[in-house]
Amino acid sequence: MAPIRNDKEPRFLGTAAPSRAALVSPLSLARWLLFLIFAAGIYFFHGFLVPVLAASVIAFASWPIYRRLLKALGGNRALGASLAIFLIVVGLVIPISYAASYALTEIREWLAWALEMNRNGAATPEWIARLPGIGEWLDQQWSEHIGPPGAIGHLIYLVSGANFGNIYRGVLAAGGSAFHGFLTMLFLLITLFFIYLDGEGFVAKMDRLGERIFPMRWERLSRVVPATISSTVTGMTLIAIGEGLVLGTAYWLAGVPSPVTLGVITGLMAMIPGGAPLSFTLVSLYLVSSGSTFAGIALFLWGSIELFIVDKTLRPKLVGGPIKLPFLPTFFGLIGGVKTMGLLGLFIGPVLMALLVAIWREWLRELEMIDVRTDTLVTDADLEAPVGAPERPALTRAGSRHSEIEQV
């Protein structure tokens, strides 16, 4: 067949060559184009990644409650999504924002006191020197390493490499980022509204895509992932907020200085296994050492009873059992989440670590099931062998697993 020429438009590079195979297949080109578009979308919209992740986590955790609300409203999705957002704003966003703002004010007062003490020096507080057993040793360490002028700044520089004055100015400037936090929260609520509005359709599409990508595992993963997210958020984050609120109120009633900040710290520590008992125990020791013996003992008893009630009654009802997340992944999830994503990382970090642990356990469970099935196949083959038949060569576990995978 003669090559087709276009005589109407002259070519500057000579006669056109016959058509040949494409250098890049259309399918490969389409895949690369899709990848580039996806990468460009992530690059331009990476600033919205944190609020979108936080909204997804909150939606996963609150979806059963939202479905009950939707059923009570007769299936009106727009009204249900609007009412759910209103309840979240009134019940969570406003109280947490107020507590964070008040705690930031108290932290500024702490830093101002520490800056003054770093400038002029200070003697050991009486409540530290009165601590039973270790008070004398702490008094000596305070006099040597904290009491002299400039000692606090030197310690901070040794630990973090930062100047104490820069840290103080950074905390003072933290209020300037309130507008950025407001925008992040606004984007989170908008995203959460549309997830509530169109969530079921999106989940159906994700199921179709997941079945194509993970045909053998998607059915179980699609049940493990939502359950893990709901358990982590409900069993760690919401209960930690409740413990911080209850114990912070107890601090205020006991006359502890800066009860809001200590309540926030207790809530953060409650997300780590053993953190809440450590927090109210230290505050109780402070009260006893400062002369308020009755208040310290009462606070310790109140914290112990509250923790027992939460762990034995409230947590199992909300979660269906304790969350068996190891200490190290929980700690890394909290610290890494705050470091990379800010305050919202407190919600996202532990959830991501819980998902990693859940997927890891699922892989181990699959391996154990394969091992059990392999042992069963080998045992059945030995039992079915006829009497007097030549002995079969030993089937190794690796070989049997390989043959099983080939059969699948």
Protein backbone atom coordinates (compact mmCIF):
# COMPACT_ATOMS: atom_id res chain seq x y z
CA MET A 1 0.00 0.00 0.00
CA ALA A 2 1.46 3.32 -1.04
CA PRO A 3 2.07 5.91 1.71
CA ILE A 4 -0.53 8.62 2.02
CA ARG A 5 0.76 12.06 1.23
CA ASN A 6 -0.77 15.44 1.80
CA ASP A 7 0.27 17.64 -1.10
CA LYS A 8 -1.65 20.65 0.20
CA GLU A 9 0.66 21.20 3.20
CA PRO A 10 4.40 21.07 2.31
CA ARG A 11 6.75 19.32 4.74
CA PHE A 12 9.98 21.02 5.71
CA LEU A 13 11.70 17.76 6.74
CA GLY A 14 11.30 15.86 3.49
CA THR A 15 8.94 13.15 2.35
CA ALA A 16 6.81 11.57 5.07
CA ALA A 17 7.86 8.04 6.05
CA PRO A 18 5.36 5.15 6.09
CA SER A 19 3.38 4.76 9.32
CA ARG A 20 5.06 2.58 11.97
CA ALA A 21 4.29 1.29 15.45
CA ALA A 22 3.97 3.94 18.18
CA LEU A 23 6.97 4.45 20.44
CA VAL A 24 4.67 4.44 23.48
CA SER A 25 1.51 2.36 23.57
CA PRO A 26 -1.72 4.31 24.04
CA LEU A 27 -2.50 2.36 27.23
CA SER A 28 0.89 3.14 28.78
CA LEU A 29 0.58 6.78 27.76
CA ALA A 30 -2.87 6.98 29.32
CA ARG A 31 -1.54 5.49 32.57
CA TRP A 32 1.33 7.98 32.75
CA LEU A 33 -1.01 10.85 31.95
CA LEU A 34 -3.37 9.72 34.71
CA PHE A 35 -0.46 9.48 37.14
CA LEU A 36 0.77 12.99 36.25
CA ILE A 37 -2.72 14.44 36.69
CA PHE A 38 -3.05 12.68 40.06
CA ALA A 39 0.39 13.92 41.19
CA ALA A 40 -0.44 17.49 40.09
CA GLY A 41 -3.71 17.34 42.00
CA ILE A 42 -1.90 16.23 45.16
CA TYR A 43 0.69 18.98 44.72
CA PHE A 44 -1.85 21.77 44.30
CA PHE A 45 -4.27 20.54 46.96
CA HIS A 46 -1.89 19.09 49.55
CA GLY A 47 -2.80 21.97 51.87
CA PHE A 48 -6.29 20.49 52.20
CA LEU A 49 -5.01 16.98 52.94
CA VAL A 50 -5.09 17.35 56.73
CA PRO A 51 -8.71 18.63 57.02
CA VAL A 52 -9.87 16.02 54.49
CA LEU A 53 -8.21 13.21 56.46
CA ALA A 54 -9.62 14.55 59.73
CA ALA A 55 -13.11 14.81 58.22
CA SER A 56 -12.85 11.24 56.93
CA VAL A 57 -11.79 9.95 60.34
CA ILE A 58 -14.66 11.77 62.09
CA ALA A 59 -17.13 10.53 59.48
CA PHE A 60 -16.00 6.92 59.89
CA ALA A 61 -16.28 7.13 63.67
CA SER A 62 -19.64 8.90 63.75
CA TRP A 63 -21.30 7.12 60.82
CA PRO A 64 -23.46 4.74 62.95
CA ILE A 65 -24.78 7.68 64.98
CA TYR A 66 -25.38 9.66 61.78
CA ARG A 67 -27.41 6.80 60.30
CA ARG A 68 -29.64 6.78 63.39
CA LEU A 69 -30.08 10.55 63.07
CA LEU A 70 -30.87 10.17 59.37
CA LYS A 71 -33.47 7.50 60.12
CA ALA A 72 -35.10 9.74 62.73
CA LEU A 73 -35.32 12.56 60.16
CA GLY A 74 -37.03 10.38 57.58
CA GLY A 75 -34.01 10.02 55.30
CA ASN A 76 -33.57 13.74 54.57
CA ARG A 77 -29.81 13.79 53.88
CA ALA A 78 -29.42 17.56 53.60
CA LEU A 79 -31.18 18.16 56.92
CA GLY A 80 -29.35 15.26 58.56
CA ALA A 81 -25.92 16.46 57.42
CA SER A 82 -26.67 20.03 58.54
CA LEU A 83 -27.90 18.92 61.96
CA ALA A 84 -24.90 16.60 62.43
CA ILE A 85 -22.47 19.44 61.65
CA PHE A 86 -24.33 21.73 64.06
CA LEU A 87 -24.09 19.15 66.86
CA ILE A 88 -20.37 18.61 66.21
CA VAL A 89 -19.71 22.36 66.29
CA VAL A 90 -21.69 22.90 69.49
CA GLY A 91 -20.55 19.75 71.26
CA LEU A 92 -16.89 19.52 70.23
CA VAL A 93 -15.47 22.40 68.22
CA ILE A 94 -16.53 25.29 70.46
CA PRO A 95 -15.60 23.66 73.82
CA ILE A 96 -12.25 22.39 72.53
CA SER A 97 -11.41 25.76 70.97
CA TYR A 98 -12.28 27.60 74.18
CA ALA A 99 -10.23 25.18 76.30
CA ALA A 100 -7.25 25.44 73.93
CA SER A 101 -7.41 29.26 73.97
CA TYR A 102 -7.61 29.36 77.78
CA ALA A 103 -4.79 26.82 78.09
CA LEU A 104 -2.63 28.89 75.75
CA THR A 105 -3.16 31.90 78.02
CA GLU A 106 -2.09 29.89 81.06
CA ILE A 107 0.96 28.53 79.22
CA ARG A 108 2.00 32.10 78.41
CA GLU A 109 1.80 32.91 82.12
CA TRP A 110 3.93 29.84 82.90
CA LEU A 111 6.54 30.89 80.37
CA ALA A 112 6.56 34.45 81.67
CA TRP A 113 7.20 33.08 85.18
CA ALA A 114 9.93 30.77 83.85
CA LEU A 115 11.53 33.66 81.94
CA GLU A 116 11.58 35.79 85.09
CA MET A 117 13.04 32.90 87.09
CA ASN A 118 15.65 32.32 84.40
CA ARG A 119 16.65 35.97 84.62
CA ASN A 120 16.82 36.30 88.42
CA GLY A 121 17.01 32.72 89.70
CA ALA A 122 14.69 31.14 92.29
CA ALA A 123 14.84 28.95 95.37
CA THR A 124 13.36 25.46 95.47
CA PRO A 125 9.56 25.54 95.93
CA GLU A 126 8.47 24.25 99.30
CA TRP A 127 6.16 21.57 97.88
CA ILE A 128 9.07 20.00 95.99
CA ALA A 129 11.32 19.99 99.05
CA ARG A 130 8.53 18.38 101.10
CA LEU A 131 8.06 15.40 98.80
CA PRO A 132 8.56 12.24 100.88
CA GLY A 133 11.67 10.25 100.07
CA ILE A 134 13.00 12.32 97.18
CA GLY A 135 12.39 15.88 98.40
CA GLU A 136 15.92 16.40 99.69
CA TRP A 137 17.49 15.05 96.51
CA LEU A 138 15.21 17.21 94.32
CA ASP A 139 16.08 20.25 96.44
CA GLN A 140 19.76 19.66 95.81
CA GLN A 141 19.26 19.16 92.06
CA TRP A 142 17.12 22.30 91.84
CA SER A 143 19.77 24.37 93.61
CA GLU A 144 22.48 23.12 91.25
CA HIS A 145 20.75 22.99 87.86
CA ILE A 146 17.58 25.16 87.94
CA GLY A 147 17.88 27.75 90.71
CA PRO A 148 20.88 29.81 89.46
CA PRO A 149 20.21 32.69 87.01
CA GLY A 150 20.29 31.51 83.38
CA ALA A 151 20.08 27.83 84.34
CA ILE A 152 16.69 27.19 82.71
CA GLY A 153 17.79 28.67 79.40
CA HIS A 154 20.94 26.54 79.50
CA LEU A 155 18.93 23.36 80.14
CA ILE A 156 16.51 24.13 77.32
CA TYR A 157 19.41 24.77 74.95
CA LEU A 158 21.04 21.46 75.93
CA VAL A 159 17.82 19.50 75.41
CA SER A 160 16.36 21.11 72.29
CA GLY A 161 19.09 23.34 70.91
CA ALA A 162 16.64 26.27 70.94
CA ASN A 163 16.90 29.60 72.70
CA PHE A 164 14.45 30.09 75.57
CA GLY A 165 13.58 33.58 74.42
CA ASN A 166 12.73 32.29 70.94
CA ILE A 167 10.42 29.68 72.46
CA TYR A 168 8.65 32.35 74.50
CA ARG A 169 8.22 34.58 71.45
CA GLY A 170 6.95 31.59 69.47
CA VAL A 171 4.26 30.90 72.05
CA LEU A 172 3.27 34.56 72.06
CA ALA A 173 2.98 34.47 68.27
CA ALA A 174 0.86 31.29 68.37
CA GLY A 175 -2.25 33.41 68.69
CA GLY A 176 -1.49 34.87 65.27
CA SER A 177 -2.09 31.47 63.69
CA ALA A 178 -5.67 31.41 64.96
CA PHE A 179 -6.96 32.51 61.55
CA HIS A 180 -5.16 29.60 59.87
CA GLY A 181 -6.69 27.22 62.40
CA PHE A 182 -10.11 28.73 61.75
CA LEU A 183 -9.74 28.15 57.99
CA THR A 184 -8.59 24.57 58.57
CA MET A 185 -11.59 23.90 60.79
CA LEU A 186 -13.90 25.51 58.23
CA PHE A 187 -12.59 23.28 55.42
CA LEU A 188 -12.92 20.26 57.73
CA LEU A 189 -16.57 21.01 58.46
CA ILE A 190 -17.37 21.63 54.78
CA THR A 191 -15.73 18.34 53.80
CA LEU A 192 -17.52 16.52 56.60
CA PHE A 193 -20.87 17.94 55.46
CA PHE A 194 -20.46 16.57 51.94
CA ILE A 195 -19.21 13.22 53.25
CA TYR A 196 -22.41 12.95 55.28
CA LEU A 197 -24.43 14.06 52.27
CA ASP A 198 -22.93 11.74 49.62
CA GLY A 199 -21.01 9.23 51.71
CA GLU A 200 -22.94 6.09 50.77
CA GLY A 201 -22.43 6.61 47.04
CA PHE A 202 -18.72 7.22 47.55
CA VAL A 203 -18.41 4.07 49.69
CA ALA A 204 -20.12 2.01 46.97
CA LYS A 205 -17.60 3.25 44.40
CA MET A 206 -14.73 2.53 46.78
CA ASP A 207 -16.07 -1.02 47.20
CA ARG A 208 -16.04 -1.58 43.44
CA LEU A 209 -12.50 -0.23 43.17
CA GLY A 210 -11.29 -2.20 46.19
CA GLU A 211 -12.70 -5.46 44.84
CA ARG A 212 -10.75 -4.93 41.63
CA ILE A 213 -7.48 -4.05 43.39
CA PHE A 214 -7.71 -6.51 46.33
CA PRO A 215 -10.09 -9.23 45.12
CA MET A 216 -9.07 -11.75 47.81
CA ARG A 217 -8.79 -9.40 50.78
CA TRP A 218 -11.14 -6.48 50.22
CA GLU A 219 -14.17 -8.10 51.86
CA ARG A 220 -12.36 -8.39 55.19
CA LEU A 221 -10.39 -5.13 54.86
CA SER A 222 -13.61 -3.21 54.18
CA ARG A 223 -14.86 -4.41 57.58
CA VAL A 224 -11.60 -4.15 59.52
CA VAL A 225 -10.73 -0.57 58.49
CA PRO A 226 -14.01 1.14 59.56
CA ALA A 227 -14.11 -0.88 62.80
CA THR A 228 -10.50 0.07 63.57
CA ILE A 229 -11.09 3.77 62.91
CA SER A 230 -14.29 3.82 64.96
CA SER A 231 -12.67 1.95 67.86
CA THR A 232 -9.60 4.17 67.86
CA VAL A 233 -11.48 7.46 67.74
CA THR A 234 -14.16 6.40 70.21
CA GLY A 235 -11.97 4.43 72.57
CA MET A 236 -9.00 6.80 72.61
CA THR A 237 -9.83 10.30 71.44
CA LEU A 238 -13.37 10.86 72.72
CA ILE A 239 -12.77 9.07 76.02
CA ALA A 240 -9.52 11.02 76.46
CA ILE A 241 -11.43 14.28 75.93
CA GLY A 242 -13.97 13.16 78.52
CA GLU A 243 -11.29 12.22 81.04
CA GLY A 244 -9.54 15.55 80.53
CA LEU A 245 -12.84 17.37 81.13
CA VAL A 246 -13.75 15.38 84.25
CA LEU A 247 -10.29 15.47 85.82
CA GLY A 248 -9.82 19.13 84.85
CA THR A 249 -13.01 19.93 86.74
CA ALA A 250 -11.67 17.94 89.69
CA TYR A 251 -8.43 19.96 89.55
CA TRP A 252 -10.44 23.17 89.69
CA LEU A 253 -12.49 21.95 92.65
CA ALA A 254 -9.31 20.87 94.47
CA GLY A 255 -7.77 24.33 94.02
CA VAL A 256 -4.94 23.30 91.70
CA PRO A 257 -3.31 26.21 89.82
CA SER A 258 -3.97 26.32 86.05
CA PRO A 259 -6.69 23.64 86.06
CA VAL A 260 -7.55 24.09 82.37
CA THR A 261 -4.00 23.53 81.17
CA LEU A 262 -3.56 20.55 83.48
CA GLY A 263 -6.89 19.16 82.25
CA VAL A 264 -5.75 19.50 78.62
CA ILE A 265 -2.45 17.80 79.47
CA THR A 266 -4.33 15.01 81.26
CA GLY A 267 -6.57 14.54 78.22
CA LEU A 268 -3.55 14.26 75.94
CA MET A 269 -1.85 11.85 78.34
CA ALA A 270 -5.04 9.77 78.53
CA MET A 271 -4.55 8.80 74.88
CA ILE A 272 -1.36 6.97 75.92
CA PRO A 273 -1.81 3.78 77.99
CA GLY A 274 -1.15 4.66 81.62
CA GLY A 275 -0.99 8.40 80.95
CA ALA A 276 -4.13 9.47 82.84
CA PRO A 277 -3.20 7.72 86.13
CA LEU A 278 0.26 9.24 85.97
CA SER A 279 -1.20 12.73 85.46
CA PHE A 280 -3.66 12.81 88.36
CA THR A 281 -1.18 11.00 90.63
CA LEU A 282 1.42 13.73 90.09
CA VAL A 283 -1.18 16.44 90.70
CA SER A 284 -2.28 14.64 93.88
CA LEU A 285 1.33 14.49 95.08
CA TYR A 286 1.62 18.23 94.43
CA LEU A 287 -1.44 18.91 96.58
CA VAL A 288 -0.20 16.69 99.42
CA SER A 289 3.27 18.27 99.33
CA SER A 290 1.86 21.80 99.30
CA GLY A 291 -0.14 21.14 102.48
CA SER A 292 -3.56 20.23 101.00
CA THR A 293 -3.48 16.62 102.17
CA PHE A 294 -7.23 16.05 102.12
CA ALA A 295 -7.61 17.55 98.63
CA GLY A 296 -4.72 15.45 97.30
CA ILE A 297 -6.12 12.19 98.70
CA ALA A 298 -9.64 13.04 97.49
CA LEU A 299 -8.33 13.83 94.00
CA PHE A 300 -6.42 10.55 93.83
CA LEU A 301 -9.48 8.55 94.94
CA TRP A 302 -11.73 10.40 92.49
CA GLY A 303 -9.33 9.78 89.60
CA SER A 304 -8.98 6.09 90.46
CA ILE A 305 -12.75 5.57 90.68
CA GLU A 306 -13.38 7.51 87.47
CA LEU A 307 -10.73 5.53 85.61
CA PHE A 308 -12.15 2.22 86.88
CA ILE A 309 -15.67 3.16 85.78
CA VAL A 310 -14.49 4.23 82.32
CA ASP A 311 -12.38 1.13 81.70
CA LYS A 312 -14.91 -1.37 83.04
CA THR A 313 -18.24 0.07 81.86
CA LEU A 314 -18.06 2.99 79.43
CA ARG A 315 -15.21 1.88 77.17
CA PRO A 316 -16.56 -1.67 76.51
CA LYS A 317 -20.02 -0.26 75.68
CA LEU A 318 -18.66 2.32 73.25
CA VAL A 319 -15.95 0.18 71.67
CA GLY A 320 -17.08 -3.38 72.30
CA GLY A 321 -13.84 -4.21 74.12
CA PRO A 322 -10.49 -2.66 74.94
CA ILE A 323 -8.30 -1.42 72.10
CA LYS A 324 -5.24 -3.61 72.05
CA LEU A 325 -2.95 -1.04 70.48
CA PRO A 326 0.62 -1.29 71.77
CA PHE A 327 2.19 1.61 73.62
CA LEU A 328 4.90 2.39 71.07
CA PRO A 329 2.61 2.77 68.00
CA THR A 330 0.25 4.91 70.08
CA PHE A 331 3.08 7.15 71.24
CA PHE A 332 4.54 7.48 67.74
CA GLY A 333 1.10 8.19 66.32
CA LEU A 334 0.50 11.03 68.77
CA ILE A 335 3.93 12.65 68.47
CA GLY A 336 4.22 12.14 64.72
CA GLY A 337 0.69 13.35 64.11
CA VAL A 338 1.18 16.57 66.07
CA LYS A 339 4.59 17.18 64.47
CA THR A 340 3.40 16.75 60.88
CA MET A 341 -0.27 17.79 61.02
CA GLY A 342 -0.61 20.07 64.03
CA LEU A 343 -3.49 19.75 66.48
CA LEU A 344 -5.56 17.62 64.10
CA GLY A 345 -2.73 15.11 64.13
CA LEU A 346 -3.96 14.06 67.57
CA PHE A 347 -6.92 12.47 65.76
CA ILE A 348 -5.21 11.36 62.55
CA GLY A 349 -1.90 10.01 63.89
CA PRO A 350 -3.27 7.31 66.23
CA VAL A 351 -5.82 6.27 63.60
CA LEU A 352 -3.13 5.75 60.95
CA MET A 353 -0.98 3.77 63.38
CA ALA A 354 -4.01 1.68 64.37
CA LEU A 355 -4.67 0.95 60.69
CA LEU A 356 -1.06 -0.12 60.20
CA VAL A 357 -1.24 -2.42 63.22
CA ALA A 358 -4.60 -3.83 62.06
CA ILE A 359 -3.29 -4.55 58.53
CA TRP A 360 -0.15 -6.12 60.01
CA ARG A 361 -2.27 -8.39 62.20
CA GLU A 362 -4.43 -9.33 59.21
CA TRP A 363 -1.36 -10.38 57.25
CA LEU A 364 -0.14 -12.47 60.19
CA ARG A 365 -3.61 -14.00 60.48
CA GLU A 366 -3.56 -14.99 56.80
CA LEU A 367 -0.13 -16.58 57.20
CA GLU A 368 -1.35 -18.55 60.22
CA MET A 369 -4.40 -19.74 58.28
CA ILE A 370 -2.19 -20.86 55.38
CA ASP A 371 0.06 -22.74 57.81
CA VAL A 372 -2.93 -24.50 59.39
CA ARG A 373 -4.35 -25.46 56.00
CA THR A 374 -0.94 -26.69 54.89
CA ASP A 375 -0.57 -28.92 57.93
CA THR A 376 -4.09 -30.24 57.36
CA LEU A 377 -3.33 -31.08 53.71
CA VAL A 378 -0.16 -32.94 54.65
CA THR A 379 -1.94 -34.90 57.42
CA ASP A 380 -4.85 -35.85 55.14
CA ALA A 381 -2.47 -36.99 52.42
CA ASP A 382 -0.63 -39.26 54.87
CA LEU A 383 -3.90 -40.77 56.16
CA GLU A 384 -5.24 -41.48 52.67
CA ALA A 385 -2.09 -43.29 51.51
CA PRO A 386 -2.86 -47.05 50.95
CA VAL A 387 -1.19 -49.68 53.11
CA GLY A 388 2.01 -50.98 51.53
CA ALA A 389 2.27 -48.05 49.11
CA PRO A 390 5.70 -46.49 48.69
CA GLU A 391 6.31 -43.67 51.10
CA ARG A 392 5.71 -40.23 49.64
CA PRO A 393 8.52 -37.75 49.75
CA ALA A 394 8.17 -35.26 52.56
CA LEU A 395 6.32 -32.16 51.48
CA THR A 396 7.91 -29.12 52.94
CA ARG A 397 5.79 -26.29 54.22
CA ALA A 398 7.20 -23.92 51.64
CA GLY A 399 6.47 -26.37 48.84
CA SER A 400 2.94 -27.04 50.03
CA ARG A 401 2.28 -23.33 50.38
CA HIS A 402 3.59 -22.76 46.87
CA SER A 403 1.34 -25.48 45.44
CA GLU A 404 -1.62 -24.07 47.37
CA ILE A 405 -1.02 -20.62 45.96
CA GLU A 406 -0.79 -22.08 42.45
CA GLN A 407 -4.14 -23.80 42.95
CA VAL A 408 -5.70 -20.52 44.02
